[in-house]
Amino acid sequence: MTEPSPEQILVVAPRGRDGELMRALLDKQGLAAALVPAVDQLAPAVETAGCAVITQEALSADAAHTFRAALAKQPPWCDFPMIVLTSAGQRVESNLGNVTVLERPVGPETLIAAVRTALRARRRQYEARAAIQQRDQFLAMLGHELRNPLAAIMLASEHADPDKREQRLEMIARQANHLARLVDDLLDVARVTSGKVQLRREAVDIDDVLRTCIETLGERARSRGITIELATTSGLVVDGDTVRLEQVMSNLLANAIKYSPTGRTVRVSTIRAGDTCEIRVRDQGIGIAADMLPRVFELFAQADGSLDRADGGMGIGLTLVDRLVRLHGGEVRVASAGLGRGSEFVVRLPIGTRSAVVQTAHAPSRERALPVRVVLVEDNADIREMTAAMLAEIGCDVEVAADGVDGVDRIVRSRPELALVDIGLPGIDGFEVARRVRATIGTPLLLVAVTGYGRDQDRAQASAAGFDLHVAKPLRADDLVELVERSRRAP
């Protein structure tokens, strides 16, 4: 018998020419079949073959003992399918598992249909196994990616040298931002792959998007000795979401920087290609193997533990690129001449009209005094202390509460312009806080849910409870400034 394969049917029919006839029938239908002399020889194939067709007489107690033991040890994903051909009055042992019984004489169409059904079910099992393997690989990588910045933060926070304080704070900020990006990527890929991302479309100057991304990533490139060159510009606008397009281009540029050796150049260009705007990002980096090219946009597919992982990442950035570009009605493709010969990513997006270009609003200056009364309801002591300190630095009068009941009391008593309320609170949760506050003092305040839960249903639940806004942790200083400014503009 040749090495079993996921599409192979193993036939066990020890009497007469039954086995040869069944194999010939299956072969005629384009189904790969192989003869097996005895049931006990099926044991090594339980996890690798497609299914088995077995005649009743092959299932004697002695011959089936080894096979039953192998079936009992199948991994959770595996449920080896068998088709047993019986004669009238014969019974099949109940402990054999995934068995389809056909009583002889069996018509060719009936046997073929049963085999095809068994193979379809078997393919789903192999797909489940692949998904489990991808999940386990991803979880292992996630642990690695989270531990690295956490280790740096812990070491920096425990380092006692006062002369290194500024350096430690910069390191903590850098690693915390890295953690935030990891979480944002995880949430984004979940939303995009489930079709829950809504684009805020406007006419976007694609050259401006690229300049912004190049400026943002400039320090990272310089630290690695890499030059980013905007070689040609098209002056085109596309109909899209500025934030999401910046995410696409940032991911492509960050990927090029990450896999380029020191001293190389990343070349970016935009041109018109028919009725599309074509953006090219070409690097002189490690390149992509030919067998990997068709899979680079698959979720977790590029998560290769053998790669240099000094810059981190979980291998989901290119998946986000592909999904977001498709949401815009465009396409992205990749080319590489092979390992060590660089890569080029090409994005094509539908061209829009310049008349509708929207200028990006600048964040309000932190230097402006913001005499806003704020109540912060947060049960995590460290987050509560640091957020309150940041609010005070930008000119707010801040009251804090560590649980939901105290939060309601403080909001109702002080009637602030802004209330920042965590959802997972002791006593009563943030949703109940919002309901009680709205029932007592109505609407003249900006009530914001600040939480680690960022799904669409979480936002809907927050809105139904009475929150004006739902923002995801972690809150940065710019986020707080914007919320305070918004509360000042509120009627």
Protein backbone atom coordinates (compact mmCIF):
# COMPACT_ATOMS: atom_id res chain seq x y z
CA MET A 1 0.00 0.00 0.00
CA THR A 2 1.27 3.47 -0.89
CA GLU A 3 1.47 6.23 1.73
CA PRO A 4 -2.14 7.26 2.58
CA SER A 5 -3.38 10.72 1.64
CA PRO A 6 -6.36 12.79 2.80
CA GLU A 7 -8.24 11.95 -0.42
CA GLN A 8 -7.46 8.23 -0.48
CA ILE A 9 -10.06 5.51 0.07
CA LEU A 10 -8.72 2.36 1.69
CA VAL A 11 -10.57 -0.81 0.72
CA VAL A 12 -10.57 -3.90 2.99
CA ALA A 13 -12.35 -6.80 1.30
CA PRO A 14 -10.48 -10.08 1.91
CA ARG A 15 -12.81 -12.47 0.05
CA GLY A 16 -12.81 -13.13 -3.67
CA ARG A 17 -12.56 -10.25 -6.10
CA ASP A 18 -14.69 -7.79 -4.06
CA GLY A 19 -11.72 -5.56 -3.33
CA GLU A 20 -10.49 -5.38 -6.92
CA LEU A 21 -13.98 -4.64 -8.22
CA MET A 22 -14.56 -1.85 -5.70
CA ARG A 23 -11.17 -0.31 -6.42
CA ALA A 24 -11.87 -0.38 -10.16
CA LEU A 25 -15.28 1.25 -9.59
CA LEU A 26 -13.78 4.02 -7.47
CA ASP A 27 -10.90 4.60 -9.87
CA LYS A 28 -13.38 4.95 -12.73
CA GLN A 29 -15.03 7.80 -10.80
CA GLY A 30 -11.69 9.55 -10.32
CA LEU A 31 -11.41 8.51 -6.67
CA ALA A 32 -8.03 7.27 -5.45
CA ALA A 33 -8.38 3.83 -3.88
CA ALA A 34 -5.91 1.33 -2.43
CA LEU A 35 -6.37 -2.24 -1.23
CA VAL A 36 -5.49 -3.12 2.36
CA PRO A 37 -5.11 -6.82 3.23
CA ALA A 38 -6.62 -6.67 6.75
CA VAL A 39 -8.42 -4.29 9.10
CA ASP A 40 -5.61 -4.25 11.64
CA GLN A 41 -3.36 -2.69 8.97
CA LEU A 42 -5.63 0.36 8.84
CA ALA A 43 -4.36 1.56 12.23
CA PRO A 44 -1.44 3.68 10.90
CA ALA A 45 -3.79 5.42 8.42
CA VAL A 46 -6.43 6.64 10.87
CA GLU A 47 -5.05 10.21 10.90
CA THR A 48 -3.86 10.38 7.28
CA ALA A 49 -6.32 8.61 4.95
CA GLY A 50 -9.64 9.91 3.64
CA CYS A 51 -11.94 7.03 4.57
CA ALA A 52 -12.23 3.24 4.45
CA VAL A 53 -14.62 0.84 2.74
CA ILE A 54 -14.74 -2.42 4.73
CA THR A 55 -16.68 -5.63 4.17
CA GLN A 56 -18.35 -7.19 7.21
CA GLU A 57 -16.28 -10.39 7.07
CA ALA A 58 -13.08 -8.33 7.56
CA LEU A 59 -14.29 -7.22 11.00
CA SER A 60 -13.67 -10.38 12.98
CA ALA A 61 -12.98 -9.81 16.68
CA ASP A 62 -9.30 -10.72 16.47
CA ALA A 63 -8.55 -8.79 13.27
CA ALA A 64 -10.30 -5.62 14.48
CA HIS A 65 -8.66 -5.42 17.92
CA THR A 66 -5.66 -3.31 16.83
CA PHE A 67 -7.86 -1.11 14.68
CA ARG A 68 -10.29 -0.41 17.54
CA ALA A 69 -7.37 0.61 19.75
CA ALA A 70 -6.17 3.05 17.08
CA LEU A 71 -9.65 4.54 16.77
CA ALA A 72 -9.81 5.04 20.54
CA LYS A 73 -6.60 7.13 20.39
CA GLN A 74 -7.71 9.52 17.65
CA PRO A 75 -6.96 13.19 18.40
CA PRO A 76 -9.99 15.45 19.03
CA TRP A 77 -10.13 16.77 15.45
CA CYS A 78 -10.12 13.28 13.90
CA ASP A 79 -13.15 11.01 13.43
CA PHE A 80 -12.10 8.47 10.80
CA PRO A 81 -15.08 7.69 8.49
CA MET A 82 -15.81 4.10 7.51
CA ILE A 83 -18.34 2.53 5.17
CA VAL A 84 -19.14 -1.05 6.16
CA LEU A 85 -20.80 -3.39 3.66
CA THR A 86 -22.97 -6.00 5.41
CA SER A 87 -25.18 -8.88 4.36
CA ALA A 88 -28.79 -9.22 5.49
CA GLY A 89 -28.99 -9.98 9.19
CA GLN A 90 -25.38 -9.06 10.00
CA ARG A 91 -24.65 -6.48 12.70
CA VAL A 92 -21.77 -4.02 13.01
CA GLU A 93 -20.00 -3.47 16.31
CA SER A 94 -21.26 -0.29 17.99
CA ASN A 95 -17.80 0.80 19.24
CA LEU A 96 -16.26 1.39 15.83
CA GLY A 97 -17.26 5.06 15.76
CA ASN A 98 -17.98 6.97 12.53
CA VAL A 99 -19.59 4.17 10.53
CA THR A 100 -22.04 4.20 7.62
CA VAL A 101 -23.66 0.80 7.05
CA LEU A 102 -24.73 -0.29 3.56
CA GLU A 103 -26.52 -3.62 3.12
CA ARG A 104 -25.41 -5.73 0.17
CA PRO A 105 -26.06 -5.91 -2.68
CA VAL A 106 -25.03 -2.25 -2.98
CA GLY A 107 -25.60 -0.36 -6.21
CA PRO A 108 -22.59 1.50 -7.68
CA GLU A 109 -24.33 4.88 -7.34
CA THR A 110 -25.09 4.27 -3.68
CA LEU A 111 -21.50 3.29 -2.88
CA ILE A 112 -20.03 6.25 -4.76
CA ALA A 113 -22.42 8.68 -3.05
CA ALA A 114 -21.52 7.29 0.39
CA VAL A 115 -17.78 7.57 -0.35
CA ARG A 116 -18.07 11.16 -1.59
CA THR A 117 -20.06 12.10 1.52
CA ALA A 118 -17.40 10.52 3.77
CA LEU A 119 -14.62 12.40 1.95
CA ARG A 120 -16.44 15.75 2.26
CA ALA A 121 -16.77 15.21 6.00
CA ARG A 122 -13.12 14.19 6.19
CA ARG A 123 -12.01 17.38 4.42
CA ARG A 124 -13.82 19.42 7.07
CA GLN A 125 -11.88 17.52 9.73
CA TYR A 126 -8.57 18.39 8.07
CA GLU A 127 -9.67 22.02 7.79
CA ALA A 128 -10.44 21.98 11.52
CA ARG A 129 -7.00 20.55 12.24
CA ALA A 130 -5.34 23.29 10.16
CA ALA A 131 -7.36 25.94 11.99
CA ILE A 132 -6.32 24.50 15.36
CA GLN A 133 -2.66 24.48 14.31
CA GLN A 134 -2.90 28.10 13.13
CA ARG A 135 -4.61 29.09 16.37
CA ASP A 136 -1.94 27.41 18.51
CA GLN A 137 0.84 28.98 16.46
CA PHE A 138 -0.80 32.38 16.76
CA LEU A 139 -1.34 32.09 20.53
CA ALA A 140 2.29 31.11 21.00
CA MET A 141 3.37 34.12 18.96
CA LEU A 142 0.96 36.41 20.80
CA GLY A 143 2.51 35.34 24.09
CA HIS A 144 5.96 36.11 22.67
CA GLU A 145 4.93 39.50 21.35
CA LEU A 146 3.24 40.55 24.60
CA ARG A 147 6.06 39.35 26.85
CA ASN A 148 8.76 41.35 25.07
CA PRO A 149 7.35 44.85 25.69
CA LEU A 150 6.06 43.83 29.11
CA ALA A 151 9.55 42.65 30.07
CA ALA A 152 11.04 45.97 28.96
CA ILE A 153 8.39 47.95 30.87
CA MET A 154 8.90 45.92 34.04
CA LEU A 155 12.67 46.27 33.91
CA ALA A 156 12.47 50.01 33.22
CA SER A 157 10.03 50.55 36.08
CA GLU A 158 12.28 48.64 38.52
CA HIS A 159 15.53 50.36 37.50
CA ALA A 160 16.51 52.67 40.34
CA ASP A 161 19.19 54.92 38.80
CA PRO A 162 17.74 58.49 39.00
CA ASP A 163 20.07 59.68 36.23
CA LYS A 164 18.34 57.30 33.81
CA ARG A 165 14.80 58.41 34.64
CA GLU A 166 14.16 60.20 31.35
CA GLN A 167 15.53 57.27 29.36
CA ARG A 168 13.35 54.83 31.32
CA LEU A 169 10.23 56.91 30.75
CA GLU A 170 10.91 57.05 27.03
CA MET A 171 11.36 53.28 26.94
CA ILE A 172 8.14 52.69 28.87
CA ALA A 173 6.23 55.00 26.52
CA ARG A 174 7.72 53.31 23.45
CA GLN A 175 6.89 49.79 24.65
CA ALA A 176 3.42 50.81 25.84
CA ASN A 177 2.70 52.24 22.39
CA HIS A 178 3.87 48.96 20.89
CA LEU A 179 1.46 47.03 23.13
CA ALA A 180 -1.36 49.36 22.14
CA ARG A 181 -0.61 48.75 18.45
CA LEU A 182 -0.73 44.99 18.99
CA VAL A 183 -4.13 45.24 20.64
CA ASP A 184 -5.43 47.62 17.96
CA ASP A 185 -4.30 45.23 15.23
CA LEU A 186 -6.05 42.32 16.94
CA LEU A 187 -9.30 44.24 17.26
CA ASP A 188 -9.09 45.59 13.72
CA VAL A 189 -8.50 42.23 12.13
CA ALA A 190 -11.45 40.79 14.07
CA ARG A 191 -13.72 43.60 12.89
CA VAL A 192 -12.52 43.54 9.30
CA THR A 193 -12.72 39.76 8.85
CA SER A 194 -16.25 39.74 10.31
CA GLY A 195 -17.36 42.54 7.99
CA LYS A 196 -18.05 45.05 10.78
CA VAL A 197 -15.85 47.92 9.61
CA GLN A 198 -17.73 50.90 8.18
CA LEU A 199 -15.69 53.26 6.00
CA ARG A 200 -16.05 57.02 6.43
CA ARG A 201 -15.65 57.91 2.78
CA GLU A 202 -14.33 61.19 1.47
CA ALA A 203 -12.04 62.29 -1.33
CA VAL A 204 -8.51 61.59 -0.09
CA ASP A 205 -5.30 62.95 -1.57
CA ILE A 206 -3.25 59.74 -1.74
CA ASP A 207 0.07 61.60 -1.95
CA ASP A 208 -0.74 63.42 1.31
CA VAL A 209 -1.54 60.08 2.95
CA LEU A 210 1.84 58.71 1.88
CA ARG A 211 3.70 61.80 3.06
CA THR A 212 2.02 61.52 6.47
CA CYS A 213 2.93 57.84 6.79
CA ILE A 214 6.52 58.42 5.67
CA GLU A 215 6.88 61.22 8.23
CA THR A 216 5.37 59.06 10.98
CA LEU A 217 7.68 56.14 10.23
CA GLY A 218 10.71 58.28 9.48
CA GLU A 219 12.38 57.86 12.86
CA ARG A 220 11.96 54.09 12.76
CA ALA A 221 13.52 53.98 9.28
CA ARG A 222 16.42 56.26 10.25
CA SER A 223 17.17 54.18 13.34
CA ARG A 224 17.70 51.20 11.03
CA GLY A 225 19.69 53.14 8.45
CA ILE A 226 16.93 52.84 5.85
CA THR A 227 15.83 55.56 3.43
CA ILE A 228 12.20 55.98 2.37
CA GLU A 229 11.95 57.68 -1.01
CA LEU A 230 8.69 59.06 -2.43
CA ALA A 231 9.86 58.65 -6.01
CA THR A 232 6.84 59.78 -8.02
CA THR A 233 3.54 61.38 -7.11
CA SER A 234 0.33 61.30 -9.13
CA GLY A 235 -1.68 64.16 -7.63
CA LEU A 236 -4.67 61.81 -7.58
CA VAL A 237 -7.44 61.54 -5.03
CA VAL A 238 -9.34 58.36 -4.18
CA ASP A 239 -12.76 57.80 -2.66
CA GLY A 240 -11.90 56.33 0.71
CA ASP A 241 -11.47 56.51 4.46
CA THR A 242 -8.39 58.59 5.35
CA VAL A 243 -7.70 56.75 8.61
CA ARG A 244 -8.00 53.32 7.02
CA LEU A 245 -5.89 54.26 4.01
CA GLU A 246 -3.19 55.55 6.34
CA GLN A 247 -3.41 52.19 8.11
CA VAL A 248 -2.90 50.37 4.80
CA MET A 249 0.11 52.45 3.78
CA SER A 250 1.66 52.42 7.25
CA ASN A 251 1.46 48.64 7.37
CA LEU A 252 3.10 48.28 3.97
CA LEU A 253 5.87 50.75 4.83
CA ALA A 254 6.46 49.24 8.28
CA ASN A 255 6.67 45.81 6.69
CA ALA A 256 9.25 47.07 4.16
CA ILE A 257 11.32 48.72 6.91
CA LYS A 258 11.17 45.66 9.12
CA TYR A 259 12.52 43.26 6.51
CA SER A 260 15.13 45.54 4.91
CA PRO A 261 18.80 45.34 5.91
CA THR A 262 20.63 48.48 6.99
CA GLY A 263 21.57 50.87 4.19
CA ARG A 264 18.75 49.91 1.82
CA THR A 265 16.03 52.08 0.27
CA VAL A 266 12.25 51.70 0.31
CA ARG A 267 10.84 53.29 -2.83
CA VAL A 268 7.23 54.52 -2.93
CA SER A 269 5.39 55.79 -5.99
CA THR A 270 1.87 56.66 -7.16
CA ILE A 271 0.70 56.73 -10.76
CA ARG A 272 -2.54 56.64 -12.72
CA ALA A 273 -3.37 53.21 -14.14
CA GLY A 274 -6.54 53.50 -16.20
CA ASP A 275 -9.34 54.50 -13.84
CA THR A 276 -7.34 53.51 -10.75
CA CYS A 277 -4.62 55.03 -8.64
CA GLU A 278 -1.68 52.63 -8.36
CA ILE A 279 0.54 52.81 -5.28
CA ARG A 280 3.78 50.82 -5.29
CA VAL A 281 5.93 50.08 -2.25
CA ARG A 282 9.20 48.39 -3.21
CA ASP A 283 11.91 47.34 -0.80
CA GLN A 284 15.39 45.84 -1.12
CA GLY A 285 14.82 43.43 1.72
CA ILE A 286 14.80 39.71 2.40
CA GLY A 287 12.22 38.94 -0.28
CA ILE A 288 9.52 36.26 -0.27
CA ALA A 289 9.90 32.62 -1.25
CA ALA A 290 7.85 31.51 -4.26
CA ASP A 291 5.76 29.05 -2.25
CA MET A 292 4.85 31.79 0.22
CA LEU A 293 3.73 34.42 -2.30
CA PRO A 294 0.17 33.11 -2.73
CA ARG A 295 -0.32 33.08 1.06
CA VAL A 296 1.11 36.37 2.32
CA PHE A 297 -2.34 37.94 2.78
CA GLU A 298 -3.81 34.97 4.64
CA LEU A 299 -4.51 35.43 8.32
CA PHE A 300 -1.51 34.21 10.38
CA ALA A 301 0.11 32.66 7.29
CA GLN A 302 3.11 34.98 7.43
CA ALA A 303 3.59 34.30 11.14
CA ASP A 304 6.83 32.42 10.67
CA GLY A 305 8.77 31.87 13.87
CA SER A 306 11.98 31.40 11.91
CA LEU A 307 12.01 35.05 10.78
CA ASP A 308 13.92 37.75 12.58
CA ARG A 309 11.34 39.03 15.03
CA ALA A 310 13.33 41.86 16.58
CA ASP A 311 10.65 44.41 15.63
CA GLY A 312 7.77 42.20 16.75
CA GLY A 313 4.41 41.84 15.08
CA MET A 314 1.97 38.98 14.78
CA GLY A 315 1.73 38.50 11.05
CA ILE A 316 -1.71 40.10 10.66
CA GLY A 317 -0.72 43.45 9.14
CA LEU A 318 -0.88 42.23 5.54
CA THR A 319 -4.23 40.58 6.18
CA LEU A 320 -5.53 43.97 7.31
CA VAL A 321 -4.05 45.58 4.20
CA ASP A 322 -5.80 43.11 1.91
CA ARG A 323 -9.20 43.37 3.65
CA LEU A 324 -9.16 47.17 3.89
CA VAL A 325 -8.13 47.61 0.26
CA ARG A 326 -10.93 45.31 -0.83
CA LEU A 327 -13.41 47.29 1.30
CA HIS A 328 -12.39 50.30 -0.79
CA GLY A 329 -13.18 48.41 -3.99
CA GLY A 330 -9.50 47.99 -4.81
CA GLU A 331 -6.95 45.21 -4.93
CA VAL A 332 -3.46 44.52 -3.62
CA ARG A 333 -0.88 42.13 -5.00
CA VAL A 334 2.72 41.24 -4.22
CA ALA A 335 5.72 40.27 -6.32
CA SER A 336 9.19 39.06 -5.37
CA ALA A 337 12.03 37.55 -7.35
CA GLY A 338 12.79 35.31 -4.38
CA LEU A 339 14.62 35.27 -1.08
CA GLY A 340 17.16 38.06 -0.73
CA ARG A 341 15.82 39.96 -3.75
CA GLY A 342 13.28 42.35 -2.24
CA SER A 343 9.51 42.63 -2.58
CA GLU A 344 7.01 44.96 -4.20
CA PHE A 345 3.43 45.52 -3.05
CA VAL A 346 1.04 47.15 -5.51
CA VAL A 347 -2.27 48.67 -4.37
CA ARG A 348 -4.89 49.81 -6.85
CA LEU A 349 -7.77 52.04 -5.71
CA PRO A 350 -10.62 53.66 -7.64
CA ILE A 351 -9.94 57.31 -8.48
CA GLY A 352 -12.19 59.92 -6.80
CA THR A 353 -12.84 63.62 -7.48
CA ARG A 354 -10.72 66.38 -5.97
CA SER A 355 -13.60 68.77 -5.28
CA ALA A 356 -14.59 66.85 -2.18
CA VAL A 357 -11.16 66.62 -0.52
CA VAL A 358 -11.56 67.14 3.21
CA GLN A 359 -8.73 68.73 5.16
CA THR A 360 -7.70 66.92 8.31
CA ALA A 361 -8.47 68.92 11.44
CA HIS A 362 -5.52 69.57 13.70
CA ALA A 363 -5.71 68.48 17.30
CA PRO A 364 -6.38 71.33 19.71
CA SER A 365 -3.36 72.82 21.43
CA ARG A 366 -2.63 71.48 24.89
CA GLU A 367 -1.44 74.89 25.95
CA ARG A 368 -4.98 76.26 26.00
CA ALA A 369 -6.55 76.36 29.47
CA LEU A 370 -9.54 74.03 29.72
CA PRO A 371 -11.49 74.82 32.90
CA VAL A 372 -13.74 71.79 32.64
CA ARG A 373 -15.20 69.85 35.57
CA VAL A 374 -14.62 66.12 35.11
CA VAL A 375 -15.71 63.06 37.08
CA LEU A 376 -13.55 59.98 36.43
CA VAL A 377 -15.03 56.62 37.46
CA GLU A 378 -12.33 53.92 37.25
CA ASP A 379 -11.66 50.95 39.55
CA ASN A 380 -8.03 50.42 38.49
CA ALA A 381 -6.02 52.54 40.91
CA ASP A 382 -3.04 53.13 38.61
CA ILE A 383 -5.18 54.10 35.63
CA ARG A 384 -7.35 56.30 37.87
CA GLU A 385 -4.37 58.12 39.33
CA MET A 386 -2.56 58.69 36.02
CA THR A 387 -5.69 59.76 34.11
CA ALA A 388 -6.67 62.19 36.83
CA ALA A 389 -3.16 63.66 36.82
CA MET A 390 -3.24 64.12 33.03
CA LEU A 391 -6.65 65.79 33.22
CA ALA A 392 -5.37 68.13 35.92
CA GLU A 393 -2.34 69.02 33.77
CA ILE A 394 -4.63 70.26 30.99
CA GLY A 395 -6.58 72.48 33.36
CA CYS A 396 -9.49 70.29 34.48
CA ASP A 397 -11.09 70.11 37.93
CA VAL A 398 -11.21 66.37 38.56
CA GLU A 399 -13.16 64.19 40.97
CA VAL A 400 -12.55 60.46 41.04
CA ALA A 401 -14.59 57.41 42.05
CA ALA A 402 -13.48 53.80 42.34
CA ASP A 403 -16.87 52.09 42.00
CA GLY A 404 -20.17 52.55 40.24
CA VAL A 405 -22.30 53.70 43.17
CA ASP A 406 -19.81 56.39 44.24
CA GLY A 407 -19.51 57.40 40.60
CA VAL A 408 -23.23 58.04 40.28
CA ASP A 409 -23.23 60.07 43.53
CA ARG A 410 -20.33 62.27 42.42
CA ILE A 411 -21.71 62.89 38.93
CA VAL A 412 -25.18 63.75 40.24
CA ARG A 413 -23.83 66.00 43.00
CA SER A 414 -21.16 67.91 41.02
CA ARG A 415 -22.95 68.08 37.64
CA PRO A 416 -19.69 68.02 35.59
CA GLU A 417 -19.33 68.91 31.93
CA LEU A 418 -17.57 65.57 31.30
CA ALA A 419 -17.81 62.13 32.93
CA LEU A 420 -15.42 59.32 31.97
CA VAL A 421 -16.86 56.00 33.14
CA ASP A 422 -15.27 52.55 33.00
CA ILE A 423 -17.67 49.70 32.19
CA GLY A 424 -16.30 46.88 34.35
CA LEU A 425 -16.87 48.46 37.77
CA PRO A 426 -17.53 46.90 41.19
CA GLY A 427 -20.96 47.41 42.72
CA ILE A 428 -22.83 48.43 39.59
CA ASP A 429 -21.32 48.41 36.12
CA GLY A 430 -20.80 51.41 33.86
CA PHE A 431 -24.00 50.78 31.92
CA GLU A 432 -26.06 51.07 35.10
CA VAL A 433 -24.09 54.20 36.06
CA ALA A 434 -25.12 55.80 32.78
CA ARG A 435 -28.76 54.79 33.17
CA ARG A 436 -28.98 56.22 36.70
CA VAL A 437 -27.19 59.43 35.76
CA ARG A 438 -29.41 60.06 32.74
CA ALA A 439 -32.54 59.31 34.77
CA THR A 440 -31.47 61.86 37.40
CA ILE A 441 -29.84 64.78 35.60
CA GLY A 442 -30.78 64.24 31.96
CA THR A 443 -28.48 65.23 29.13
CA PRO A 444 -26.41 68.38 29.94
CA LEU A 445 -23.08 66.55 30.19
CA LEU A 446 -20.80 64.57 27.91
CA LEU A 447 -20.98 60.99 29.21
CA VAL A 448 -18.19 58.79 27.85
CA ALA A 449 -17.77 55.02 28.22
CA VAL A 450 -14.07 54.22 28.55
CA THR A 451 -13.50 50.50 28.26
CA GLY A 452 -11.43 47.65 26.90
CA TYR A 453 -14.51 46.26 25.15
CA GLY A 454 -14.57 47.54 21.57
CA ARG A 455 -17.06 45.40 19.64
CA ASP A 456 -19.99 46.87 17.75
CA GLN A 457 -22.43 45.32 20.23
CA ASP A 458 -20.51 46.95 23.10
CA ARG A 459 -20.87 50.34 21.44
CA ALA A 460 -24.57 49.74 20.84
CA GLN A 461 -25.08 48.72 24.46
CA ALA A 462 -23.24 51.83 25.66
CA SER A 463 -25.41 54.06 23.48
CA ALA A 464 -28.60 52.37 24.70
CA ALA A 465 -27.52 52.93 28.33
CA GLY A 466 -27.15 56.67 27.75
CA PHE A 467 -23.50 57.21 26.88
CA ASP A 468 -22.70 59.86 24.28
CA LEU A 469 -19.42 58.25 23.26
CA HIS A 470 -17.68 54.90 23.53
CA VAL A 471 -13.86 54.98 23.48
CA ALA A 472 -11.46 52.07 23.84
CA LYS A 473 -8.58 51.90 26.28
CA PRO A 474 -5.82 52.90 26.48
CA LEU A 475 -6.60 56.62 26.51
CA ARG A 476 -3.69 58.81 25.43
CA ALA A 477 -3.13 62.45 26.30
CA ASP A 478 -4.38 63.57 22.87
CA ASP A 479 -7.58 61.57 23.40
CA LEU A 480 -8.21 63.30 26.73
CA VAL A 481 -7.60 66.72 25.20
CA GLU A 482 -10.07 65.98 22.42
CA LEU A 483 -12.73 64.75 24.87
CA VAL A 484 -12.30 67.81 27.07
CA GLU A 485 -12.52 70.11 24.03
CA ARG A 486 -15.65 68.27 22.89
CA SER A 487 -17.27 68.70 26.29
CA ARG A 488 -16.60 72.47 26.09
CA ARG A 489 -18.35 72.61 22.69
CA ALA A 490 -21.33 70.58 23.90
CA PRO A 491 -24.58 72.57 24.38
